[in-house]
Amino acid sequence: MGLKINRPRRGSMGVYPRKRAADIVPRVRTWPDANLGKPALLGFAAYKAGMLHAVVVDDRPTSPLYGKEVVKAVTVLDAPPLFVWGFRLYTLDPTNGYLRSAAEVWAGELPKHLSRVLTLPEKVDVDKQMKQVEEYRDVAVEVRALVATQPHLSGIGKKTPELLEIPIGGVPNIDERIKFATSLLGKTVSPKDVFSPGQLVDVIAVTKGKGWQGVVKRFGVTILPRWHKHRKGHRRTGTIGPQAPALMFTQPRPGQMGFHQRTEYNKRLLKIGENGAEITPKSGFPHYGVIKGPYILIQGSMPGARKRLVVLRHPARPPRRAPPSTEPQVVWVSSQQP
């Protein structure tokens, strides 16, 4: 009887198929609501500028370092305000229970840079669109703001904006959400209007693309011996399993690595600043440039290359013992002169 060797499987099946993301703008399937007591957007979008390290006062009461200065790795996000160019009303489809778009309202005046991604009408009849909203007000279940990023206000060096749908929550009353969405038409939303320093957020982005890779780099398969009479390769699997009655698709195979949409949960938001000059290094962020306006400091790393669009939302899986929701004290950041 042969010796049975057990080992963990190589690669998670929860992220199959490992193929390139359909769009560089993340698709958010779940938007957790937050009991804020007032209507607000449930997410925000920003650009990844780079990483620094910061000296922060540990404010966790159960930590042995409570009240002392600790060094944390932080990610800097360039967060220019989002422009709200419309909102959309959703109802439930009676046949399948899915969300169905019922009415849409655009702002009366739209900026010229939106013509890069939208066909702008000569004139927007807002009153006519609002009448359609009144028809579906009683059966509406969700209100989503139609927002556009403003990359020309960032250091990313591009002009074409990205379009996103971000739900409006914070209150259960649908009338308050519609009223709030109407008040936002044609205006901008800053990160301070959505999040507060000290809270936890989920980070959704498309990871760095690595191209086509073999099984050793893609799944960590053991390199085979290179001694005598091994003539069929070394950086490969010994067998790919049976071919009949069906292929074993769980077997490690070469293919696309990276450029996958991934979500990282419960990242702590350390700071929201208004002046990017106070966080930008003297020579600018490598391969990014200078942050001109608002910025966000997130503790830890996150998916994506520099200049990648990152979507932040309220936590979908908040921990039982969350850190304090008060703003942590950031003593020093490595971009500042000592």
Protein backbone atom coordinates (compact mmCIF):
# COMPACT_ATOMS: atom_id res chain seq x y z
CA MET A 1 0.00 0.00 0.00
CA GLY A 2 1.52 3.29 -1.11
CA LEU A 3 2.04 6.28 1.13
CA LYS A 4 -0.65 8.94 0.62
CA ILE A 5 0.71 12.47 0.59
CA ASN A 6 -1.69 15.30 1.41
CA ARG A 7 -1.00 18.87 0.40
CA PRO A 8 -3.12 22.01 0.04
CA ARG A 9 -4.52 22.56 -3.41
CA ARG A 10 -2.70 25.09 -5.58
CA GLY A 11 -4.79 28.18 -6.29
CA SER A 12 -8.24 29.13 -5.09
CA MET A 13 -11.25 27.89 -7.04
CA GLY A 14 -13.22 30.87 -5.75
CA VAL A 15 -11.61 33.16 -8.31
CA TYR A 16 -11.97 30.96 -11.41
CA PRO A 17 -11.82 31.64 -14.29
CA ARG A 18 -8.52 33.52 -14.04
CA LYS A 19 -9.04 35.76 -17.03
CA ARG A 20 -8.60 39.45 -17.69
CA ALA A 21 -11.16 41.80 -16.17
CA ALA A 22 -13.83 42.98 -18.60
CA ASP A 23 -13.25 46.64 -17.68
CA ILE A 24 -10.59 48.58 -15.83
CA VAL A 25 -13.42 50.31 -13.92
CA PRO A 26 -14.39 47.88 -11.11
CA ARG A 27 -17.87 46.40 -11.17
CA VAL A 28 -19.31 46.50 -7.64
CA ARG A 29 -21.99 43.87 -7.08
CA THR A 30 -22.75 44.62 -3.41
CA TRP A 31 -23.27 48.04 -1.84
CA PRO A 32 -23.73 47.71 1.95
CA ASP A 33 -25.95 50.42 3.37
CA ALA A 34 -24.81 52.54 6.30
CA ASN A 35 -27.12 53.91 8.98
CA LEU A 36 -25.85 57.47 8.76
CA GLY A 37 -29.11 59.21 9.68
CA LYS A 38 -28.86 61.32 6.53
CA PRO A 39 -28.78 60.53 2.80
CA ALA A 40 -25.32 60.12 1.28
CA LEU A 41 -23.44 58.28 -1.45
CA LEU A 42 -22.40 54.75 -0.45
CA GLY A 43 -19.03 54.83 -2.23
CA PHE A 44 -16.30 56.89 -3.83
CA ALA A 45 -13.70 56.49 -6.58
CA ALA A 46 -10.08 57.66 -6.51
CA TYR A 47 -6.74 57.05 -8.25
CA LYS A 48 -3.87 55.13 -6.69
CA ALA A 49 -0.83 57.41 -6.44
CA GLY A 50 1.66 55.28 -4.50
CA MET A 51 2.71 54.14 -1.01
CA LEU A 52 4.44 55.78 1.96
CA HIS A 53 5.02 54.92 5.58
CA ALA A 54 3.54 56.97 8.39
CA VAL A 55 4.01 57.31 12.12
CA VAL A 56 0.60 56.90 13.76
CA VAL A 57 -0.45 56.87 17.42
CA ASP A 58 -1.98 53.44 18.17
CA ASP A 59 -5.55 54.11 19.39
CA ARG A 60 -6.69 50.51 19.94
CA PRO A 61 -7.37 50.13 23.71
CA THR A 62 -6.58 46.38 23.70
CA SER A 63 -3.23 46.80 21.94
CA PRO A 64 0.01 46.49 23.96
CA LEU A 65 1.21 49.56 22.04
CA TYR A 66 -1.84 51.65 22.98
CA GLY A 67 -0.96 55.35 23.05
CA LYS A 68 2.46 54.82 21.50
CA GLU A 69 3.75 55.78 18.08
CA VAL A 70 3.88 52.95 15.54
CA VAL A 71 5.01 52.87 11.91
CA LYS A 72 2.37 51.86 9.35
CA ALA A 73 2.53 51.32 5.61
CA VAL A 74 -0.06 53.56 3.92
CA THR A 75 -1.45 53.91 0.41
CA VAL A 76 -2.10 57.39 -0.96
CA LEU A 77 -5.15 57.91 -3.17
CA ASP A 78 -5.63 60.98 -5.33
CA ALA A 79 -9.31 61.81 -4.80
CA PRO A 80 -10.56 64.69 -6.97
CA PRO A 81 -14.29 65.41 -6.50
CA LEU A 82 -16.82 63.32 -8.42
CA PHE A 83 -19.20 65.16 -10.74
CA VAL A 84 -22.86 64.08 -10.45
CA TRP A 85 -24.35 64.27 -13.95
CA GLY A 86 -27.60 62.42 -13.21
CA PHE A 87 -29.42 59.81 -11.16
CA ARG A 88 -31.41 56.69 -11.95
CA LEU A 89 -34.47 55.14 -10.32
CA TYR A 90 -34.78 51.34 -10.01
CA THR A 91 -37.79 49.10 -9.45
CA LEU A 92 -38.05 45.33 -8.99
CA ASP A 93 -38.90 43.24 -12.03
CA PRO A 94 -41.99 41.17 -11.05
CA THR A 95 -40.91 38.21 -13.19
CA ASN A 96 -37.45 37.59 -11.74
CA GLY A 97 -37.01 40.00 -8.84
CA TYR A 98 -34.02 41.76 -10.42
CA LEU A 99 -33.52 45.51 -10.46
CA ARG A 100 -34.93 47.26 -13.50
CA SER A 101 -34.24 50.84 -14.54
CA ALA A 102 -37.45 52.87 -14.46
CA ALA A 103 -36.49 56.54 -14.79
CA GLU A 104 -33.40 58.64 -15.38
CA VAL A 105 -32.68 62.34 -14.82
CA TRP A 106 -29.72 64.28 -16.22
CA ALA A 107 -28.34 67.59 -15.02
CA GLY A 108 -29.39 70.65 -16.99
CA GLU A 109 -25.82 71.75 -17.70
CA LEU A 110 -23.10 69.18 -18.40
CA PRO A 111 -19.36 69.95 -18.62
CA LYS A 112 -17.64 69.67 -21.97
CA HIS A 113 -15.23 66.90 -20.91
CA LEU A 114 -18.18 64.49 -20.55
CA SER A 115 -18.52 64.54 -24.35
CA ARG A 116 -15.54 62.15 -24.44
CA VAL A 117 -17.70 59.35 -23.02
CA LEU A 118 -21.30 60.56 -23.50
CA THR A 119 -23.32 61.88 -26.40
CA LEU A 120 -24.46 65.16 -24.91
CA PRO A 121 -27.91 66.43 -25.97
CA GLU A 122 -28.36 70.03 -27.08
CA LYS A 123 -30.88 70.60 -24.30
CA VAL A 124 -31.93 68.49 -21.31
CA ASP A 125 -35.61 68.66 -20.40
CA VAL A 126 -35.28 68.13 -16.63
CA ASP A 127 -38.98 68.81 -15.93
CA LYS A 128 -40.08 66.04 -18.29
CA GLN A 129 -37.64 63.60 -16.71
CA MET A 130 -38.81 64.50 -13.20
CA LYS A 131 -42.42 63.74 -14.19
CA GLN A 132 -41.27 60.23 -15.07
CA VAL A 133 -39.67 59.97 -11.64
CA GLU A 134 -42.98 60.91 -10.00
CA GLU A 135 -44.70 58.06 -11.86
CA TYR A 136 -42.38 55.43 -10.35
CA ARG A 137 -41.77 57.05 -6.94
CA ASP A 138 -44.17 54.70 -5.11
CA VAL A 139 -42.65 51.48 -6.55
CA ALA A 140 -38.99 52.54 -6.57
CA VAL A 141 -36.64 50.49 -4.38
CA GLU A 142 -33.26 52.09 -5.13
CA VAL A 143 -31.79 55.40 -6.25
CA ARG A 144 -28.32 55.52 -7.81
CA ALA A 145 -26.27 58.58 -8.62
CA LEU A 146 -24.60 58.71 -12.03
CA VAL A 147 -21.15 60.13 -11.39
CA ALA A 148 -18.07 60.86 -13.47
CA THR A 149 -14.48 61.12 -12.31
CA GLN A 150 -12.49 64.26 -13.07
CA PRO A 151 -8.99 63.04 -13.97
CA HIS A 152 -8.00 66.47 -15.30
CA LEU A 153 -7.95 67.62 -11.66
CA SER A 154 -5.55 64.84 -10.65
CA GLY A 155 -1.92 64.11 -11.42
CA ILE A 156 -2.77 61.15 -13.63
CA GLY A 157 -2.28 63.09 -16.87
CA LYS A 158 -5.43 62.12 -18.76
CA LYS A 159 -8.70 63.78 -19.71
CA THR A 160 -11.24 61.02 -20.35
CA PRO A 161 -13.44 60.49 -17.28
CA GLU A 162 -14.77 57.17 -16.00
CA LEU A 163 -18.50 56.70 -15.41
CA LEU A 164 -19.89 54.94 -12.35
CA GLU A 165 -23.22 54.23 -10.66
CA ILE A 166 -23.12 54.72 -6.89
CA PRO A 167 -26.26 54.05 -4.80
CA ILE A 168 -27.64 56.64 -2.41
CA GLY A 169 -28.31 55.32 1.09
CA GLY A 170 -28.02 56.31 4.72
CA VAL A 171 -31.79 56.58 5.21
CA PRO A 172 -34.55 54.02 4.49
CA ASN A 173 -37.02 56.57 3.05
CA ILE A 174 -36.93 56.55 -0.76
CA ASP A 175 -38.38 60.09 -0.96
CA GLU A 176 -35.42 61.48 0.99
CA ARG A 177 -33.03 59.70 -1.35
CA ILE A 178 -34.73 61.15 -4.44
CA LYS A 179 -34.70 64.63 -2.89
CA PHE A 180 -31.00 64.26 -2.09
CA ALA A 181 -30.20 63.01 -5.61
CA THR A 182 -32.06 65.98 -7.11
CA SER A 183 -30.05 68.38 -4.96
CA LEU A 184 -26.77 66.86 -6.22
CA LEU A 185 -27.51 67.31 -9.94
CA GLY A 186 -24.71 69.23 -11.62
CA LYS A 187 -22.64 69.43 -8.42
CA THR A 188 -19.50 67.72 -7.15
CA VAL A 189 -19.02 65.36 -4.21
CA SER A 190 -15.76 65.24 -2.24
CA PRO A 191 -14.49 62.25 -0.20
CA LYS A 192 -15.32 64.03 3.07
CA ASP A 193 -18.99 63.98 2.05
CA VAL A 194 -18.93 60.17 1.89
CA PHE A 195 -16.42 58.83 4.45
CA SER A 196 -14.88 59.95 7.72
CA PRO A 197 -11.33 59.32 8.99
CA GLY A 198 -10.96 56.28 11.24
CA GLN A 199 -13.68 54.16 9.66
CA LEU A 200 -13.22 50.89 7.76
CA VAL A 201 -13.75 50.64 4.00
CA ASP A 202 -13.63 47.93 1.34
CA VAL A 203 -11.25 48.48 -1.57
CA ILE A 204 -12.15 47.20 -5.06
CA ALA A 205 -9.71 47.44 -7.97
CA VAL A 206 -8.17 45.58 -10.89
CA THR A 207 -4.80 44.06 -10.01
CA LYS A 208 -1.51 44.52 -11.85
CA GLY A 209 -1.39 42.58 -15.11
CA LYS A 210 1.40 39.97 -15.41
CA GLY A 211 0.51 38.55 -18.81
CA TRP A 212 0.74 34.84 -19.72
CA GLN A 213 2.64 32.93 -17.02
CA GLY A 214 3.59 29.32 -16.40
CA VAL A 215 2.40 27.06 -13.61
CA VAL A 216 5.39 27.76 -11.33
CA LYS A 217 4.76 31.51 -11.08
CA ARG A 218 0.97 31.27 -11.49
CA PHE A 219 0.27 28.51 -8.94
CA GLY A 220 3.56 27.82 -7.12
CA VAL A 221 4.03 24.32 -8.54
CA THR A 222 7.22 22.58 -7.39
CA ILE A 223 10.08 22.70 -9.89
CA LEU A 224 10.91 19.12 -10.99
CA PRO A 225 14.43 17.68 -10.55
CA ARG A 226 17.00 18.45 -13.23
CA TRP A 227 19.14 15.31 -12.93
CA HIS A 228 19.85 12.62 -15.50
CA LYS A 229 17.11 11.25 -17.82
CA HIS A 230 14.65 14.07 -17.09
CA ARG A 231 13.91 15.22 -20.60
CA LYS A 232 10.30 16.46 -20.47
CA GLY A 233 10.80 19.78 -18.71
CA HIS A 234 11.12 21.00 -15.14
CA ARG A 235 8.88 24.08 -14.74
CA ARG A 236 5.72 22.10 -15.45
CA THR A 237 3.21 19.74 -13.85
CA GLY A 238 4.03 16.05 -13.81
CA THR A 239 0.58 15.16 -15.12
CA ILE A 240 -2.55 17.04 -16.11
CA GLY A 241 -4.85 14.23 -15.00
CA PRO A 242 -7.33 12.09 -16.94
CA GLN A 243 -8.67 13.21 -20.33
CA ALA A 244 -11.88 11.17 -20.19
CA PRO A 245 -14.72 11.34 -19.37
CA ALA A 246 -13.79 15.00 -18.84
CA LEU A 247 -10.74 17.22 -18.35
CA MET A 248 -9.78 18.17 -14.79
CA PHE A 249 -9.95 21.96 -15.02
CA THR A 250 -8.79 22.23 -11.39
CA GLN A 251 -5.32 21.12 -12.45
CA PRO A 252 -2.75 23.99 -12.53
CA ARG A 253 -2.20 25.18 -16.09
CA PRO A 254 -0.40 28.13 -17.64
CA GLY A 255 -2.47 31.18 -18.53
CA GLN A 256 -3.33 34.76 -17.71
CA MET A 257 -1.99 36.09 -14.41
CA GLY A 258 -3.03 39.45 -13.00
CA PHE A 259 -5.45 42.11 -14.27
CA HIS A 260 -8.21 40.47 -12.23
CA GLN A 261 -10.81 42.39 -10.24
CA ARG A 262 -10.25 41.82 -6.54
CA THR A 263 -11.79 43.10 -3.28
CA GLU A 264 -9.88 43.68 -0.05
CA TYR A 265 -12.01 44.01 3.06
CA ASN A 266 -11.80 46.25 6.14
CA LYS A 267 -9.04 48.70 5.29
CA ARG A 268 -8.79 51.54 7.78
CA LEU A 269 -9.09 55.07 6.45
CA LEU A 270 -6.48 57.10 8.32
CA LYS A 271 -6.89 60.59 6.90
CA ILE A 272 -8.74 62.69 4.34
CA GLY A 273 -6.82 65.81 3.33
CA GLU A 274 -7.69 68.76 1.13
CA ASN A 275 -4.23 69.92 0.03
CA GLY A 276 -2.21 67.34 -1.90
CA ALA A 277 0.97 69.40 -1.56
CA GLU A 278 1.30 68.35 2.08
CA ILE A 279 1.49 64.66 1.16
CA THR A 280 3.32 64.73 -2.20
CA PRO A 281 7.07 63.97 -2.09
CA LYS A 282 9.46 66.72 -3.17
CA SER A 283 10.02 65.07 -6.57
CA GLY A 284 6.41 63.82 -6.92
CA PHE A 285 5.15 60.26 -6.65
CA PRO A 286 7.22 57.94 -8.91
CA HIS A 287 5.38 57.10 -12.14
CA TYR A 288 2.40 59.22 -11.04
CA GLY A 289 3.18 62.87 -10.45
CA VAL A 290 1.78 65.51 -8.12
CA ILE A 291 -1.47 65.38 -6.16
CA LYS A 292 -3.17 68.72 -6.68
CA GLY A 293 -6.30 68.47 -4.53
CA PRO A 294 -7.98 66.14 -2.01
CA TYR A 295 -6.30 62.89 -1.03
CA ILE A 296 -7.02 59.80 1.09
CA LEU A 297 -4.62 57.82 3.29
CA ILE A 298 -5.49 54.10 3.61
CA GLN A 299 -3.61 51.80 5.98
CA GLY A 300 -1.88 48.94 4.18
CA SER A 301 -1.59 48.05 0.51
CA MET A 302 -4.29 47.56 -2.10
CA PRO A 303 -4.67 45.99 -5.57
CA GLY A 304 -3.67 47.75 -8.75
CA ALA A 305 -0.84 49.64 -10.35
CA ARG A 306 -0.23 53.36 -10.04
CA LYS A 307 -2.87 55.50 -11.78
CA ARG A 308 -5.41 52.63 -11.38
CA LEU A 309 -8.98 53.58 -10.47
CA VAL A 310 -9.96 52.31 -7.02
CA VAL A 311 -13.53 52.13 -5.71
CA LEU A 312 -14.16 52.50 -1.97
CA ARG A 313 -17.36 51.41 -0.23
CA HIS A 314 -18.65 50.83 3.30
CA PRO A 315 -17.53 47.46 4.77
CA ALA A 316 -19.55 44.43 3.69
CA ARG A 317 -18.02 42.18 6.37
CA PRO A 318 -17.19 44.42 9.35
CA PRO A 319 -15.18 42.63 12.05
CA ARG A 320 -16.64 41.95 15.49
CA ARG A 321 -13.91 43.99 17.15
CA ALA A 322 -13.53 46.99 14.90
CA PRO A 323 -10.95 49.67 15.67
CA PRO A 324 -12.18 53.00 17.07
CA SER A 325 -14.14 55.07 14.56
CA THR A 326 -12.46 58.26 15.71
CA GLU A 327 -9.80 59.92 13.56
CA PRO A 328 -6.34 58.48 14.31
CA GLN A 329 -3.45 60.83 15.00
CA VAL A 330 -0.99 60.82 12.08
CA VAL A 331 2.24 62.24 13.50
CA TRP A 332 4.52 62.08 10.45
CA VAL A 333 4.51 60.85 6.85
CA SER A 334 7.62 59.75 4.98
CA SER A 335 7.05 62.26 2.16
CA GLN A 336 7.63 65.12 4.59
CA GLN A 337 11.12 66.47 5.26
CA PRO A 338 12.59 65.18 8.56
